[in-house]
N, C-alpha and C. Protein backbone atom coordinates (compact mmCIF):
# COMPACT_ATOMS: atom_id res chain seq x y z
N MET A 1 -2.74 -5.32 -16.85
CA MET A 1 -2.08 -5.10 -15.59
C MET A 1 -0.58 -5.27 -15.75
N ARG A 2 0.17 -4.43 -15.06
CA ARG A 2 1.61 -4.64 -14.95
C ARG A 2 2.01 -4.27 -13.54
N ILE A 3 3.10 -4.85 -13.07
CA ILE A 3 3.59 -4.57 -11.73
C ILE A 3 4.93 -3.89 -11.88
N SER A 4 5.13 -2.81 -11.17
CA SER A 4 6.40 -2.10 -11.27
C SER A 4 6.92 -1.76 -9.89
N VAL A 5 8.22 -1.52 -9.84
CA VAL A 5 8.84 -1.12 -8.59
C VAL A 5 9.27 0.32 -8.73
N GLU A 6 8.67 1.19 -7.93
CA GLU A 6 9.03 2.60 -7.97
C GLU A 6 10.15 2.92 -6.98
N ARG A 7 10.14 2.25 -5.84
CA ARG A 7 11.19 2.38 -4.84
C ARG A 7 11.54 0.97 -4.40
N PRO A 8 12.82 0.70 -4.10
CA PRO A 8 13.21 -0.66 -3.73
C PRO A 8 12.41 -1.26 -2.58
N GLU A 9 11.96 -0.44 -1.64
CA GLU A 9 11.25 -0.99 -0.50
C GLU A 9 9.76 -1.17 -0.75
N LEU A 10 9.27 -0.75 -1.90
CA LEU A 10 7.84 -0.86 -2.17
C LEU A 10 7.59 -1.56 -3.50
N LEU A 11 6.67 -2.49 -3.49
CA LEU A 11 6.24 -3.14 -4.72
C LEU A 11 4.82 -2.65 -4.97
N THR A 12 4.59 -2.02 -6.09
CA THR A 12 3.30 -1.42 -6.39
C THR A 12 2.72 -2.05 -7.64
N GLN A 13 1.48 -2.43 -7.57
CA GLN A 13 0.81 -2.94 -8.75
C GLN A 13 0.12 -1.76 -9.43
N VAL A 14 0.31 -1.67 -10.73
CA VAL A 14 -0.20 -0.55 -11.50
C VAL A 14 -1.12 -1.09 -12.58
N ASN A 15 -2.29 -0.46 -12.74
CA ASN A 15 -3.20 -0.90 -13.79
C ASN A 15 -2.79 -0.29 -15.13
N GLU A 16 -3.56 -0.59 -16.19
CA GLU A 16 -3.21 -0.14 -17.53
C GLU A 16 -3.17 1.39 -17.66
N ASN A 17 -3.86 2.09 -16.78
CA ASN A 17 -3.86 3.55 -16.80
C ASN A 17 -2.73 4.15 -15.98
N GLY A 18 -1.89 3.31 -15.42
CA GLY A 18 -0.75 3.79 -14.66
C GLY A 18 -1.09 4.17 -13.23
N ARG A 19 -2.25 3.78 -12.74
CA ARG A 19 -2.66 4.10 -11.37
C ARG A 19 -2.30 2.97 -10.43
N ALA A 20 -1.68 3.31 -9.32
CA ALA A 20 -1.31 2.30 -8.33
C ALA A 20 -2.56 1.75 -7.68
N ARG A 21 -2.59 0.44 -7.50
CA ARG A 21 -3.71 -0.21 -6.82
C ARG A 21 -3.49 -0.29 -5.32
N GLY A 22 -2.25 -0.18 -4.87
CA GLY A 22 -2.02 -0.21 -3.43
C GLY A 22 -0.70 -0.83 -3.06
N VAL A 23 -0.22 -0.49 -1.89
CA VAL A 23 1.03 -1.02 -1.36
C VAL A 23 0.83 -1.33 0.10
N SER A 24 1.27 -2.52 0.52
CA SER A 24 1.16 -2.82 1.95
C SER A 24 2.43 -3.42 2.53
N SER A 25 3.35 -3.93 1.72
CA SER A 25 4.63 -4.43 2.23
C SER A 25 5.60 -4.52 1.07
N PRO A 26 6.89 -4.77 1.33
CA PRO A 26 7.87 -4.77 0.26
C PRO A 26 7.56 -5.71 -0.90
N TYR A 27 6.90 -6.83 -0.66
CA TYR A 27 6.63 -7.76 -1.75
C TYR A 27 5.15 -8.07 -1.85
N GLN A 28 4.33 -7.11 -1.49
CA GLN A 28 2.89 -7.36 -1.52
C GLN A 28 2.21 -6.29 -2.34
N ALA A 29 1.38 -6.72 -3.27
CA ALA A 29 0.57 -5.81 -4.08
C ALA A 29 -0.88 -6.19 -3.89
N GLN A 30 -1.75 -5.19 -3.84
CA GLN A 30 -3.17 -5.48 -3.76
C GLN A 30 -3.63 -5.87 -5.16
N ILE A 31 -4.39 -6.95 -5.26
CA ILE A 31 -4.78 -7.46 -6.56
C ILE A 31 -6.27 -7.68 -6.61
N THR A 32 -6.81 -7.67 -7.83
CA THR A 32 -8.22 -7.95 -8.03
C THR A 32 -8.41 -9.45 -8.23
N LYS A 33 -9.67 -9.92 -8.23
CA LYS A 33 -9.93 -11.33 -8.48
C LYS A 33 -9.44 -11.74 -9.85
N GLU A 34 -9.57 -10.85 -10.85
CA GLU A 34 -9.10 -11.18 -12.19
C GLU A 34 -7.59 -11.40 -12.22
N ASP A 35 -6.87 -10.58 -11.47
CA ASP A 35 -5.42 -10.68 -11.43
C ASP A 35 -4.95 -11.91 -10.66
N ALA A 36 -5.75 -12.39 -9.73
CA ALA A 36 -5.34 -13.46 -8.84
C ALA A 36 -4.99 -14.74 -9.60
N MET A 37 -5.53 -14.94 -10.76
CA MET A 37 -5.26 -16.16 -11.52
C MET A 37 -4.22 -15.93 -12.62
N GLU A 38 -3.60 -14.78 -12.64
CA GLU A 38 -2.61 -14.46 -13.67
C GLU A 38 -1.25 -15.04 -13.30
N LYS A 39 -0.74 -15.92 -14.15
CA LYS A 39 0.60 -16.46 -13.92
C LYS A 39 1.63 -15.36 -14.18
N ILE A 40 2.69 -15.39 -13.39
CA ILE A 40 3.73 -14.38 -13.52
C ILE A 40 5.10 -15.01 -13.56
N ILE A 41 6.02 -14.29 -14.19
CA ILE A 41 7.44 -14.64 -14.18
C ILE A 41 8.11 -13.63 -13.25
N VAL A 42 8.91 -14.13 -12.32
CA VAL A 42 9.58 -13.26 -11.36
C VAL A 42 11.09 -13.46 -11.52
N VAL A 43 11.79 -12.35 -11.73
CA VAL A 43 13.24 -12.39 -11.90
C VAL A 43 13.89 -11.65 -10.74
N PHE A 44 14.76 -12.37 -10.03
CA PHE A 44 15.52 -11.79 -8.92
C PHE A 44 16.98 -11.73 -9.33
N GLU A 45 17.56 -10.55 -9.39
CA GLU A 45 19.00 -10.40 -9.57
C GLU A 45 19.57 -10.21 -8.18
N VAL A 46 20.22 -11.25 -7.67
CA VAL A 46 20.64 -11.27 -6.27
C VAL A 46 22.14 -10.99 -6.19
N LYS A 47 22.47 -9.73 -6.07
CA LYS A 47 23.88 -9.31 -5.97
C LYS A 47 24.45 -9.79 -4.64
N GLY A 48 25.65 -10.33 -4.68
CA GLY A 48 26.33 -10.74 -3.45
C GLY A 48 25.93 -12.11 -2.93
N MET A 49 25.01 -12.81 -3.60
CA MET A 49 24.68 -14.17 -3.18
C MET A 49 25.39 -15.13 -4.14
N PHE A 50 26.08 -16.10 -3.57
CA PHE A 50 26.81 -17.07 -4.37
C PHE A 50 26.37 -18.48 -4.00
N LYS A 51 26.91 -19.48 -4.67
CA LYS A 51 26.45 -20.86 -4.51
C LYS A 51 26.35 -21.33 -3.06
N PRO A 52 27.34 -21.07 -2.20
CA PRO A 52 27.21 -21.56 -0.82
C PRO A 52 26.00 -20.95 -0.09
N GLN A 53 25.76 -19.65 -0.27
CA GLN A 53 24.60 -19.02 0.37
C GLN A 53 23.31 -19.55 -0.24
N TYR A 54 23.28 -19.70 -1.56
CA TYR A 54 22.09 -20.23 -2.21
C TYR A 54 21.78 -21.63 -1.68
N ALA A 55 22.80 -22.46 -1.57
CA ALA A 55 22.60 -23.82 -1.06
C ALA A 55 22.04 -23.80 0.36
N GLN A 56 22.52 -22.88 1.20
CA GLN A 56 22.03 -22.78 2.57
C GLN A 56 20.59 -22.27 2.60
N VAL A 57 20.28 -21.30 1.75
CA VAL A 57 18.90 -20.81 1.67
C VAL A 57 17.97 -21.95 1.27
N MET A 58 18.37 -22.74 0.29
CA MET A 58 17.53 -23.87 -0.15
C MET A 58 17.38 -24.89 0.98
N LYS A 59 18.46 -25.14 1.72
CA LYS A 59 18.40 -26.07 2.86
C LYS A 59 17.44 -25.54 3.93
N ASP A 60 17.52 -24.24 4.22
CA ASP A 60 16.63 -23.64 5.21
C ASP A 60 15.17 -23.69 4.75
N LEU A 61 14.94 -23.47 3.47
CA LEU A 61 13.58 -23.57 2.93
C LEU A 61 13.07 -25.00 3.07
N ASP A 62 13.93 -25.97 2.79
CA ASP A 62 13.55 -27.38 2.90
C ASP A 62 13.20 -27.71 4.36
N GLN A 63 14.02 -27.26 5.29
CA GLN A 63 13.76 -27.52 6.70
C GLN A 63 12.48 -26.84 7.19
N SER A 64 12.06 -25.78 6.50
CA SER A 64 10.81 -25.08 6.84
C SER A 64 9.61 -25.63 6.08
N GLY A 65 9.85 -26.67 5.25
CA GLY A 65 8.76 -27.23 4.45
C GLY A 65 8.36 -26.36 3.28
N LEU A 66 9.29 -25.53 2.80
CA LEU A 66 8.96 -24.58 1.74
C LEU A 66 9.74 -24.81 0.45
N THR A 67 10.22 -26.03 0.26
CA THR A 67 10.96 -26.33 -0.96
C THR A 67 10.08 -26.20 -2.20
N ALA A 68 8.82 -26.59 -2.08
CA ALA A 68 7.87 -26.51 -3.19
C ALA A 68 6.63 -25.74 -2.74
N PRO A 69 6.74 -24.40 -2.64
CA PRO A 69 5.60 -23.62 -2.15
C PRO A 69 4.41 -23.68 -3.10
N ASP A 70 3.23 -23.57 -2.52
CA ASP A 70 1.99 -23.58 -3.29
C ASP A 70 2.01 -22.45 -4.32
N GLY A 71 1.79 -22.81 -5.56
CA GLY A 71 1.70 -21.81 -6.62
C GLY A 71 2.96 -21.58 -7.42
N ARG A 72 4.11 -22.05 -6.93
CA ARG A 72 5.33 -21.89 -7.73
C ARG A 72 5.45 -23.07 -8.68
N ARG A 73 5.43 -22.79 -9.96
CA ARG A 73 5.48 -23.84 -10.99
C ARG A 73 6.90 -24.23 -11.36
N ASN A 74 7.80 -23.25 -11.42
CA ASN A 74 9.18 -23.51 -11.81
C ASN A 74 10.11 -22.61 -11.02
N HIS A 75 11.33 -23.10 -10.84
CA HIS A 75 12.37 -22.33 -10.15
C HIS A 75 13.68 -22.62 -10.87
N PHE A 76 14.37 -21.55 -11.27
CA PHE A 76 15.66 -21.68 -11.95
C PHE A 76 16.64 -20.74 -11.27
N ALA A 77 17.89 -21.18 -11.15
CA ALA A 77 18.93 -20.34 -10.56
C ALA A 77 20.20 -20.49 -11.38
N SER A 78 20.94 -19.39 -11.50
CA SER A 78 22.16 -19.40 -12.28
C SER A 78 23.15 -18.40 -11.69
N ASP A 79 24.43 -18.70 -11.90
CA ASP A 79 25.46 -17.73 -11.56
C ASP A 79 25.31 -16.52 -12.48
N ALA A 80 25.66 -15.37 -11.96
CA ALA A 80 25.65 -14.14 -12.75
C ALA A 80 26.80 -13.27 -12.24
N GLU A 81 27.12 -12.25 -12.97
CA GLU A 81 28.18 -11.36 -12.56
C GLU A 81 27.82 -10.71 -11.22
N GLY A 82 28.65 -10.94 -10.22
CA GLY A 82 28.44 -10.33 -8.92
C GLY A 82 27.39 -11.01 -8.05
N GLY A 83 26.92 -12.18 -8.46
CA GLY A 83 25.91 -12.87 -7.66
C GLY A 83 25.20 -13.95 -8.43
N MET A 84 23.88 -13.96 -8.31
CA MET A 84 23.07 -14.99 -8.98
C MET A 84 21.82 -14.36 -9.57
N VAL A 85 21.21 -15.07 -10.49
CA VAL A 85 19.90 -14.72 -11.03
C VAL A 85 18.98 -15.88 -10.71
N VAL A 86 17.81 -15.57 -10.17
CA VAL A 86 16.79 -16.58 -9.85
C VAL A 86 15.53 -16.19 -10.61
N VAL A 87 14.94 -17.17 -11.31
CA VAL A 87 13.72 -16.95 -12.08
C VAL A 87 12.69 -17.97 -11.62
N ASP A 88 11.51 -17.48 -11.25
CA ASP A 88 10.41 -18.35 -10.84
C ASP A 88 9.20 -18.08 -11.72
N VAL A 89 8.36 -19.09 -11.87
CA VAL A 89 7.04 -18.93 -12.49
C VAL A 89 6.02 -19.24 -11.40
N TRP A 90 5.10 -18.30 -11.19
CA TRP A 90 4.08 -18.41 -10.14
C TRP A 90 2.69 -18.38 -10.76
N ASP A 91 1.75 -19.07 -10.11
CA ASP A 91 0.36 -19.05 -10.56
C ASP A 91 -0.28 -17.68 -10.36
N SER A 92 0.17 -16.93 -9.33
CA SER A 92 -0.44 -15.63 -9.07
C SER A 92 0.48 -14.78 -8.21
N PRO A 93 0.31 -13.46 -8.29
CA PRO A 93 1.06 -12.57 -7.40
C PRO A 93 0.78 -12.85 -5.92
N ALA A 94 -0.44 -13.21 -5.60
CA ALA A 94 -0.79 -13.47 -4.19
C ALA A 94 0.02 -14.63 -3.62
N GLN A 95 0.25 -15.68 -4.42
CA GLN A 95 1.04 -16.81 -3.93
C GLN A 95 2.50 -16.43 -3.74
N LEU A 96 3.03 -15.61 -4.63
CA LEU A 96 4.38 -15.08 -4.45
C LEU A 96 4.46 -14.28 -3.15
N GLU A 97 3.47 -13.45 -2.90
CA GLU A 97 3.45 -12.63 -1.68
C GLU A 97 3.52 -13.49 -0.43
N ARG A 98 2.71 -14.55 -0.40
CA ARG A 98 2.71 -15.43 0.78
C ARG A 98 4.08 -16.06 0.99
N PHE A 99 4.69 -16.54 -0.09
CA PHE A 99 6.00 -17.16 0.01
C PHE A 99 7.07 -16.15 0.42
N ALA A 100 6.99 -14.94 -0.12
CA ALA A 100 7.99 -13.92 0.19
C ALA A 100 8.04 -13.62 1.68
N GLY A 101 6.90 -13.72 2.36
CA GLY A 101 6.87 -13.49 3.80
C GLY A 101 7.74 -14.46 4.56
N SER A 102 7.90 -15.67 4.04
CA SER A 102 8.78 -16.68 4.66
C SER A 102 10.20 -16.61 4.13
N LEU A 103 10.34 -16.27 2.85
CA LEU A 103 11.66 -16.25 2.22
C LEU A 103 12.55 -15.12 2.73
N MET A 104 11.99 -13.93 2.87
CA MET A 104 12.81 -12.77 3.21
C MET A 104 13.60 -12.96 4.50
N PRO A 105 13.01 -13.44 5.60
CA PRO A 105 13.82 -13.67 6.82
C PRO A 105 14.93 -14.70 6.61
N ILE A 106 14.69 -15.70 5.77
CA ILE A 106 15.71 -16.72 5.50
C ILE A 106 16.86 -16.10 4.72
N LEU A 107 16.56 -15.24 3.76
CA LEU A 107 17.63 -14.56 3.02
C LEU A 107 18.48 -13.72 3.98
N VAL A 108 17.82 -12.92 4.80
CA VAL A 108 18.53 -12.05 5.74
C VAL A 108 19.39 -12.86 6.69
N LYS A 109 18.84 -13.97 7.20
CA LYS A 109 19.59 -14.85 8.11
C LYS A 109 20.88 -15.34 7.47
N ASN A 110 20.86 -15.50 6.14
CA ASN A 110 22.03 -16.01 5.43
C ASN A 110 22.88 -14.90 4.82
N GLY A 111 22.66 -13.67 5.27
CA GLY A 111 23.49 -12.56 4.82
C GLY A 111 23.20 -12.07 3.41
N VAL A 112 22.00 -12.34 2.92
CA VAL A 112 21.63 -11.94 1.56
C VAL A 112 20.70 -10.74 1.64
N GLN A 113 21.03 -9.69 0.94
CA GLN A 113 20.17 -8.52 0.85
C GLN A 113 18.97 -8.90 -0.03
N PRO A 114 17.75 -8.85 0.50
CA PRO A 114 16.59 -9.21 -0.32
C PRO A 114 16.51 -8.34 -1.57
N PRO A 115 16.45 -8.99 -2.74
CA PRO A 115 16.42 -8.23 -3.99
C PRO A 115 15.02 -7.70 -4.30
N VAL A 116 14.98 -6.70 -5.13
CA VAL A 116 13.70 -6.19 -5.64
C VAL A 116 13.35 -7.03 -6.86
N PRO A 117 12.19 -7.69 -6.86
CA PRO A 117 11.85 -8.54 -8.00
C PRO A 117 11.40 -7.75 -9.21
N LYS A 118 11.68 -8.31 -10.37
CA LYS A 118 11.11 -7.80 -11.62
C LYS A 118 10.00 -8.79 -11.98
N ILE A 119 8.78 -8.31 -12.07
CA ILE A 119 7.63 -9.18 -12.25
C ILE A 119 6.98 -8.90 -13.60
N HIS A 120 6.75 -9.98 -14.35
CA HIS A 120 6.17 -9.87 -15.69
C HIS A 120 5.01 -10.85 -15.83
N PRO A 121 3.94 -10.47 -16.51
CA PRO A 121 2.87 -11.44 -16.79
C PRO A 121 3.42 -12.53 -17.71
N LEU A 122 3.03 -13.76 -17.47
CA LEU A 122 3.45 -14.87 -18.32
C LEU A 122 2.61 -14.85 -19.59
N LEU A 123 3.26 -14.75 -20.73
CA LEU A 123 2.57 -14.73 -22.02
C LEU A 123 2.43 -16.14 -22.57
N ASN A 124 3.49 -16.95 -22.45
CA ASN A 124 3.48 -18.27 -23.05
C ASN A 124 4.54 -19.13 -22.36
N ALA A 125 4.28 -20.43 -22.29
CA ALA A 125 5.24 -21.39 -21.78
C ALA A 125 5.20 -22.62 -22.67
N VAL A 126 6.37 -23.07 -23.08
CA VAL A 126 6.48 -24.23 -23.96
C VAL A 126 7.45 -25.21 -23.32
N ALA A 127 7.04 -26.45 -23.15
CA ALA A 127 7.92 -27.48 -22.63
C ALA A 127 8.54 -28.23 -23.79
N GLY A 128 9.85 -28.40 -23.75
CA GLY A 128 10.54 -29.18 -24.76
C GLY A 128 10.94 -28.43 -25.98
């Protein structure tokens, strides 16, 4: 399985044969039971978001009880040219989808254009 973005407003999950499994919202892909347990790495290149906006988004997430959403194992953020890069590790695409439903309005409220995620299956993770 791989997940690809064909248009910025649609996130489509594609099987090994290149067939779309379905689309229902900007950050939602229809998944099978086998895919539901697949850990993923999600990379957001957030153009136009800088430290003050990021700090406010994190504060808003905290006030909403979403600082540590179910299924997110790691969260990393860094400055990048023209904005920031955010990298998360999730237990499954479905958990990312649930969180995205709460995150997107918070981003918009803070003047951040919701980015199109780049999603990759997690191959390996090493601590230390």
